[in-house]
C-alpha cells in the first residue's frame, strides 16, 4: 500500500510516495524551497509541484509547521507567513490538487507517529516525547502510544525567549555554535521539558539526527533515555502518509 506524504518546513517542502507496510519512502523524495514569504498561495503551489512531480492522483497527507485543528484549520504560524492563520488548509490544498483527498496535521505530530510505529519509539509504553530539531523545535507527546496533538513545546519560554530561538538547529547555524555549545543549550531545554513531563524517552529528530553521535554524547544530567530518530528527516513524510491512510489515529 502506497500513500503520498508531503512535509512542509520552514526551508523546504518535500514529499514522496510511502510504502505503508514498511514505513519507508517508495521513491526518492522530491524537494522544493519554501517560498518567502511562505504564504498560503506560495506554499500550496510548492506542495502541488512536489505532488505533480510524481504524477500522483490519490490521497495526500500534508504536514504543517504549526497547530492544526480538525485536520484542516491552521491556528499558529510561527515559521511561515501569518496569513496562514485560520486558513482551511485541507480545502485549499485539495482544490490546488484537483480535488484530491487531503489530510493536514502538525509536522512534529506526523514525525512522531512515524517514529512510534516504525522507528525509535516502536513498542514503547509510558511517556515518550519526540522532538524535531530544525528551523524551530517541534514536539509530539505520546502516553502509552496515544498522541497528545499540537503540543508545540518549542515555544516554551527559556531564558526569556521561545526555546526554539535558543536551541534549534537554526539557532546553532545562525550563531555558528560548536557542537559542544549547542549540546549545552539543548541540554538546558531537555532538562526544562523533563521537569514538566517526566518522559521515559526523548526521541530527537530532524535532519540533524543523522549526526546524533556529534551531540547526544555531550548531553548530561537528563534522566530520560535519549535516542536519535530512526526515520530521520523522512519521518514527517511517512507520518503524513500514515494519517492520510488512517493507519495511525492516535494509538
Foldseek 3Di string as FASTA:
>chain_A
DWFKEWEDDLFKIKIAIADLVQLGGPDDIDIDTQDVQNALVRVLVRVLVRCVVVPDQAEYFYEDAAADPPQFAGPDHPRHDPNSHRGRSQVSNCVSSVNHHYGYFHQQQLLVLSCCPNKDNPPPAAWEWEWEADQFIDIWIAHGQFTPGGPRQQQPDDPRGRLRCQAGVVVCVVVVHALLVNLVSVLVSLVVVCVVRVTQEYEYAEQCLVVCVSHVVSRDDRNHHYHYIPNHNCSSRSSRRCVSVPVCPGD
